Amino acid sequence: MSVVPDRDVALVDLLDRLLTGGVVITGDITISLADVDLVHVSLRALISSVETLMERET
């Protein structure tokens, strides 16, 4: 098993990597009262650069 040395990554570099590849964030929220589900919200967000989306479209 190889050990990867710790590297400092700047926030700008991390954000650039995320936008280049794209990221999908999903989540579910359920509000219930007395074990009865009243509201269920499903959230999905795609975060990507416009350039990446245009390349994948063609």
PDB file of N, CA and C in Angstrom:
ATOM      1  N   MET A   1       0.855  -1.170   0.000  1.00  0.00           N
ATOM      2  CA  MET A   1       0.000   0.000   0.000  1.00  0.00           C
ATOM      3  C   MET A   1       0.899   1.230   0.000  1.00  0.00           C
ATOM      4  N   SER A   2       0.681   2.119  -0.952  1.00  0.00           N
ATOM      5  CA  SER A   2       1.498   3.323  -1.030  1.00  0.00           C
ATOM      6  C   SER A   2       0.820   4.469  -0.288  1.00  0.00           C
ATOM      7  N   VAL A   3       1.637   5.326   0.267  1.00  0.00           N
ATOM      8  CA  VAL A   3       1.143   6.481   1.007  1.00  0.00           C
ATOM      9  C   VAL A   3       1.381   7.717   0.161  1.00  0.00           C
ATOM     10  N   VAL A   4       0.325   8.507  -0.007  1.00  0.00           N
ATOM     11  CA  VAL A   4       0.425   9.744  -0.776  1.00  0.00           C
ATOM     12  C   VAL A   4       0.797  10.859   0.192  1.00  0.00           C
ATOM     13  N   PRO A   5       1.853  11.601  -0.100  1.00  0.00           N
ATOM     14  CA  PRO A   5       2.235  12.692   0.803  1.00  0.00           C
ATOM     15  C   PRO A   5       1.185  13.796   0.800  1.00  0.00           C
ATOM     16  N   ASP A   6       1.077  14.483   1.939  1.00  0.00           N
ATOM     17  CA  ASP A   6       0.127  15.596   2.046  1.00  0.00           C
ATOM     18  C   ASP A   6       0.532  16.708   1.091  1.00  0.00           C
ATOM     19  N   ARG A   7      -0.487  17.244   0.383  1.00  0.00           N
ATOM     20  CA  ARG A   7      -0.248  18.360  -0.528  1.00  0.00           C
ATOM     21  C   ARG A   7      -1.216  19.477  -0.192  1.00  0.00           C
ATOM     22  N   ASP A   8      -0.742  20.692  -0.274  1.00  0.00           N
ATOM     23  CA  ASP A   8      -1.625  21.836  -0.101  1.00  0.00           C
ATOM     24  C   ASP A   8      -2.271  22.143  -1.445  1.00  0.00           C
ATOM     25  N   VAL A   9      -3.588  22.277  -1.437  1.00  0.00           N
ATOM     26  CA  VAL A   9      -4.324  22.608  -2.651  1.00  0.00           C
ATOM     27  C   VAL A   9      -5.051  23.920  -2.393  1.00  0.00           C
ATOM     28  N   ALA A  10      -4.822  24.877  -3.247  1.00  0.00           N
ATOM     29  CA  ALA A  10      -5.472  26.178  -3.102  1.00  0.00           C
ATOM     30  C   ALA A  10      -6.956  26.042  -3.442  1.00  0.00           C
ATOM     31  N   LEU A  11      -7.768  26.853  -2.816  1.00  0.00           N
ATOM     32  CA  LEU A  11      -9.207  26.824  -3.051  1.00  0.00           C
ATOM     33  C   LEU A  11      -9.530  27.098  -4.515  1.00  0.00           C
ATOM     34  N   VAL A  12      -8.782  27.982  -5.141  1.00  0.00           N
ATOM     35  CA  VAL A  12      -8.997  28.307  -6.552  1.00  0.00           C
ATOM     36  C   VAL A  12      -8.745  27.078  -7.428  1.00  0.00           C
ATOM     37  N   ASP A  13      -7.697  26.320  -7.117  1.00  0.00           N
ATOM     38  CA  ASP A  13      -7.401  25.106  -7.887  1.00  0.00           C
ATOM     39  C   ASP A  13      -8.493  24.057  -7.707  1.00  0.00           C
ATOM     40  N   LEU A  14      -8.977  23.907  -6.489  1.00  0.00           N
ATOM     41  CA  LEU A  14     -10.045  22.952  -6.224  1.00  0.00           C
ATOM     42  C   LEU A  14     -11.319  23.340  -6.965  1.00  0.00           C
ATOM     43  N   LEU A  15     -11.672  24.604  -6.931  1.00  0.00           N
ATOM     44  CA  LEU A  15     -12.853  25.090  -7.635  1.00  0.00           C
ATOM     45  C   LEU A  15     -12.712  24.905  -9.136  1.00  0.00           C
ATOM     46  N   ASP A  16     -11.525  25.139  -9.678  1.00  0.00           N
ATOM     47  CA  ASP A  16     -11.272  24.944 -11.096  1.00  0.00           C
ATOM     48  C   ASP A  16     -11.468  23.478 -11.485  1.00  0.00           C
ATOM     49  N   ARG A  17     -10.974  22.575 -10.672  1.00  0.00           N
ATOM     50  CA  ARG A  17     -11.141  21.143 -10.956  1.00  0.00           C
ATOM     51  C   ARG A  17     -12.607  20.731 -10.927  1.00  0.00           C
ATOM     52  N   LEU A  18     -13.359  21.255  -9.952  1.00  0.00           N
ATOM     53  CA  LEU A  18     -14.775  20.918  -9.848  1.00  0.00           C
ATOM     54  C   LEU A  18     -15.566  21.435 -11.039  1.00  0.00           C
ATOM     55  N   LEU A  19     -15.292  22.669 -11.453  1.00  0.00           N
ATOM     56  CA  LEU A  19     -16.026  23.256 -12.569  1.00  0.00           C
ATOM     57  C   LEU A  19     -15.657  22.605 -13.899  1.00  0.00           C
ATOM     58  N   THR A  20     -14.406  22.169 -14.031  1.00  0.00           N
ATOM     59  CA  THR A  20     -13.985  21.521 -15.272  1.00  0.00           C
ATOM     60  C   THR A  20     -14.677  20.181 -15.442  1.00  0.00           C
ATOM     61  N   GLY A  21     -14.771  19.416 -14.383  1.00  0.00           N
ATOM     62  CA  GLY A  21     -15.392  18.096 -14.471  1.00  0.00           C
ATOM     63  C   GLY A  21     -16.882  18.123 -14.229  1.00  0.00           C
ATOM     64  N   GLY A  22     -17.347  19.062 -13.464  1.00  0.00           N
ATOM     65  CA  GLY A  22     -18.764  19.131 -13.110  1.00  0.00           C
ATOM     66  C   GLY A  22     -19.038  18.333 -11.843  1.00  0.00           C
ATOM     67  N   VAL A  23     -20.046  18.761 -11.112  1.00  0.00           N
ATOM     68  CA  VAL A  23     -20.406  18.117  -9.859  1.00  0.00           C
ATOM     69  C   VAL A  23     -21.918  18.114  -9.735  1.00  0.00           C
ATOM     70  N   VAL A  24     -22.492  17.022  -9.264  1.00  0.00           N
ATOM     71  CA  VAL A  24     -23.927  16.949  -9.015  1.00  0.00           C
ATOM     72  C   VAL A  24     -24.124  16.791  -7.517  1.00  0.00           C
ATOM     73  N   ILE A  25     -24.947  17.654  -6.950  1.00  0.00           N
ATOM     74  CA  ILE A  25     -25.259  17.610  -5.524  1.00  0.00           C
ATOM     75  C   ILE A  25     -26.732  17.235  -5.388  1.00  0.00           C
ATOM     76  N   THR A  26     -27.013  16.209  -4.598  1.00  0.00           N
ATOM     77  CA  THR A  26     -28.401  15.787  -4.398  1.00  0.00           C
ATOM     78  C   THR A  26     -28.705  15.733  -2.903  1.00  0.00           C
ATOM     79  N   GLY A  27     -29.958  15.904  -2.585  1.00  0.00           N
ATOM     80  CA  GLY A  27     -30.376  15.831  -1.192  1.00  0.00           C
ATOM     81  C   GLY A  27     -31.880  15.671  -1.096  1.00  0.00           C
ATOM     82  N   ASP A  28     -32.325  15.094  -0.007  1.00  0.00           N
ATOM     83  CA  ASP A  28     -33.757  14.908   0.259  1.00  0.00           C
ATOM     84  C   ASP A  28     -34.067  15.464   1.642  1.00  0.00           C
ATOM     85  N   ILE A  29     -35.184  16.181   1.725  1.00  0.00           N
ATOM     86  CA  ILE A  29     -35.639  16.737   2.996  1.00  0.00           C
ATOM     87  C   ILE A  29     -37.069  16.263   3.220  1.00  0.00           C
ATOM     88  N   THR A  30     -37.322  15.703   4.386  1.00  0.00           N
ATOM     89  CA  THR A  30     -38.678  15.281   4.745  1.00  0.00           C
ATOM     90  C   THR A  30     -39.048  15.932   6.068  1.00  0.00           C
ATOM     91  N   ILE A  31     -40.179  16.619   6.063  1.00  0.00           N
ATOM     92  CA  ILE A  31     -40.697  17.225   7.283  1.00  0.00           C
ATOM     93  C   ILE A  31     -41.879  16.379   7.735  1.00  0.00           C
ATOM     94  N   SER A  32     -41.796  15.886   8.959  1.00  0.00           N
ATOM     95  CA  SER A  32     -42.869  15.024   9.462  1.00  0.00           C
ATOM     96  C   SER A  32     -43.280  15.473  10.859  1.00  0.00           C
ATOM     97  N   LEU A  33     -44.507  15.129  11.195  1.00  0.00           N
ATOM     98  CA  LEU A  33     -45.053  15.453  12.506  1.00  0.00           C
ATOM     99  C   LEU A  33     -45.779  14.219  13.010  1.00  0.00           C
ATOM    100  N   ALA A  34     -45.405  13.739  14.169  1.00  0.00           N
ATOM    101  CA  ALA A  34     -46.013  12.538  14.763  1.00  0.00           C
ATOM    102  C   ALA A  34     -45.910  11.351  13.802  1.00  0.00           C
ATOM    103  N   ASP A  35     -44.731  11.176  13.212  1.00  0.00           N
ATOM    104  CA  ASP A  35     -44.443  10.077  12.276  1.00  0.00           C
ATOM    105  C   ASP A  35     -45.320  10.095  11.024  1.00  0.00           C
ATOM    106  N   VAL A  36     -45.847  11.265  10.677  1.00  0.00           N
ATOM    107  CA  VAL A  36     -46.610  11.429   9.434  1.00  0.00           C
ATOM    108  C   VAL A  36     -45.834  12.393   8.562  1.00  0.00           C
ATOM    109  N   ASP A  37     -45.429  11.936   7.368  1.00  0.00           N
ATOM    110  CA  ASP A  37     -44.684  12.795   6.448  1.00  0.00           C
ATOM    111  C   ASP A  37     -45.612  13.865   5.882  1.00  0.00           C
ATOM    112  N   LEU A  38     -45.256  15.117   6.117  1.00  0.00           N
ATOM    113  CA  LEU A  38     -46.069  16.231   5.640  1.00  0.00           C
ATOM    114  C   LEU A  38     -45.522  16.806   4.340  1.00  0.00           C
ATOM    115  N   VAL A  39     -44.198  16.980   4.267  1.00  0.00           N
ATOM    116  CA  VAL A  39     -43.569  17.587   3.091  1.00  0.00           C
ATOM    117  C   VAL A  39     -42.317  16.787   2.754  1.00  0.00           C
ATOM    118  N   HIS A  40     -42.162  16.488   1.475  1.00  0.00           N
ATOM    119  CA  HIS A  40     -40.944  15.825   0.997  1.00  0.00           C
ATOM    120  C   HIS A  40     -40.397  16.651  -0.167  1.00  0.00           C
ATOM    121  N   VAL A  41     -39.149  17.106  -0.018  1.00  0.00           N
ATOM    122  CA  VAL A  41     -38.505  17.913  -1.045  1.00  0.00           C
ATOM    123  C   VAL A  41     -37.267  17.173  -1.518  1.00  0.00           C
ATOM    124  N   SER A  42     -37.141  17.029  -2.828  1.00  0.00           N
ATOM    125  CA  SER A  42     -35.973  16.388  -3.423  1.00  0.00           C
ATOM    126  C   SER A  42     -35.191  17.460  -4.176  1.00  0.00           C
ATOM    127  N   LEU A  43     -33.905  17.618  -3.824  1.00  0.00           N
ATOM    128  CA  LEU A  43     -33.085  18.663  -4.408  1.00  0.00           C
ATOM    129  C   LEU A  43     -31.973  18.055  -5.259  1.00  0.00           C
ATOM    130  N   ARG A  44     -31.759  18.637  -6.422  1.00  0.00           N
ATOM    131  CA  ARG A  44     -30.654  18.226  -7.288  1.00  0.00           C
ATOM    132  C   ARG A  44     -30.068  19.474  -7.933  1.00  0.00           C
ATOM    133  N   ALA A  45     -28.747  19.598  -7.868  1.00  0.00           N
ATOM    134  CA  ALA A  45     -28.074  20.754  -8.454  1.00  0.00           C
ATOM    135  C   ALA A  45     -26.871  20.288  -9.247  1.00  0.00           C
ATOM    136  N   LEU A  46     -26.716  20.819 -10.448  1.00  0.00           N
ATOM    137  CA  LEU A  46     -25.557  20.550 -11.284  1.00  0.00           C
ATOM    138  C   LEU A  46     -24.695  21.800 -11.295  1.00  0.00           C
ATOM    139  N   ILE A  47     -23.445  21.644 -10.884  1.00  0.00           N
ATOM    140  CA  ILE A  47     -22.512  22.767 -10.859  1.00  0.00           C
ATOM    141  C   ILE A  47     -21.400  22.461 -11.850  1.00  0.00           C
ATOM    142  N   SER A  48     -21.294  23.295 -12.864  1.00  0.00           N
ATOM    143  CA  SER A  48     -20.306  23.084 -13.908  1.00  0.00           C
ATOM    144  C   SER A  48     -20.070  24.402 -14.625  1.00  0.00           C
ATOM    145  N   SER A  49     -18.980  24.459 -15.361  1.00  0.00           N
ATOM    146  CA  SER A  49     -18.738  25.653 -16.163  1.00  0.00           C
ATOM    147  C   SER A  49     -19.553  25.557 -17.451  1.00  0.00           C
ATOM    148  N   VAL A  50     -19.856  26.689 -18.031  1.00  0.00           N
ATOM    149  CA  VAL A  50     -20.619  26.724 -19.284  1.00  0.00           C
ATOM    150  C   VAL A  50     -19.836  26.013 -20.389  1.00  0.00           C
ATOM    151  N   GLU A  51     -18.543  26.200 -20.410  1.00  0.00           N
ATOM    152  CA  GLU A  51     -17.709  25.574 -21.432  1.00  0.00           C
ATOM    153  C   GLU A  51     -17.802  24.048 -21.361  1.00  0.00           C
ATOM    154  N   THR A  52     -17.765  23.497 -20.160  1.00  0.00           N
ATOM    155  CA  THR A  52     -17.873  22.041 -19.995  1.00  0.00           C
ATOM    156  C   THR A  52     -19.230  21.544 -20.456  1.00  0.00           C
ATOM    157  N   LEU A  53     -20.297  22.258 -20.132  1.00  0.00           N
ATOM    158  CA  LEU A  53     -21.628  21.853 -20.560  1.00  0.00           C
ATOM    159  C   LEU A  53     -21.777  21.901 -22.085  1.00  0.00           C
ATOM    160  N   MET A  54     -21.200  22.927 -22.704  1.00  0.00           N
ATOM    161  CA  MET A  54     -21.294  23.043 -24.166  1.00  0.00           C
ATOM    162  C   MET A  54     -20.506  21.924 -24.851  1.00  0.00           C
ATOM    163  N   GLU A  55     -19.373  21.523 -24.285  1.00  0.00           N
ATOM    164  CA  GLU A  55     -18.586  20.433 -24.873  1.00  0.00           C
ATOM    165  C   GLU A  55     -19.343  19.113 -24.790  1.00  0.00           C
ATOM    166  N   ARG A  56     -20.039  18.867 -23.693  1.00  0.00           N
ATOM    167  CA  ARG A  56     -20.761  17.604 -23.523  1.00  0.00           C
ATOM    168  C   ARG A  56     -22.034  17.562 -24.322  1.00  0.00           C
ATOM    169  N   GLU A  57     -22.554  18.715 -24.694  1.00  0.00           N
ATOM    170  CA  GLU A  57     -23.794  18.776 -25.472  1.00  0.00           C
ATOM    171  C   GLU A  57     -23.598  18.325 -26.906  1.00  0.00           C
ATOM    172  N   THR A  58     -22.424  18.581 -27.470  1.00  0.00           N
ATOM    173  CA  THR A  58     -22.177  18.235 -28.855  1.00  0.00           C
ATOM    174  C   THR A  58     -21.649  16.841 -29.002  1.00  0.00           C
TER     175      THR A  58
END
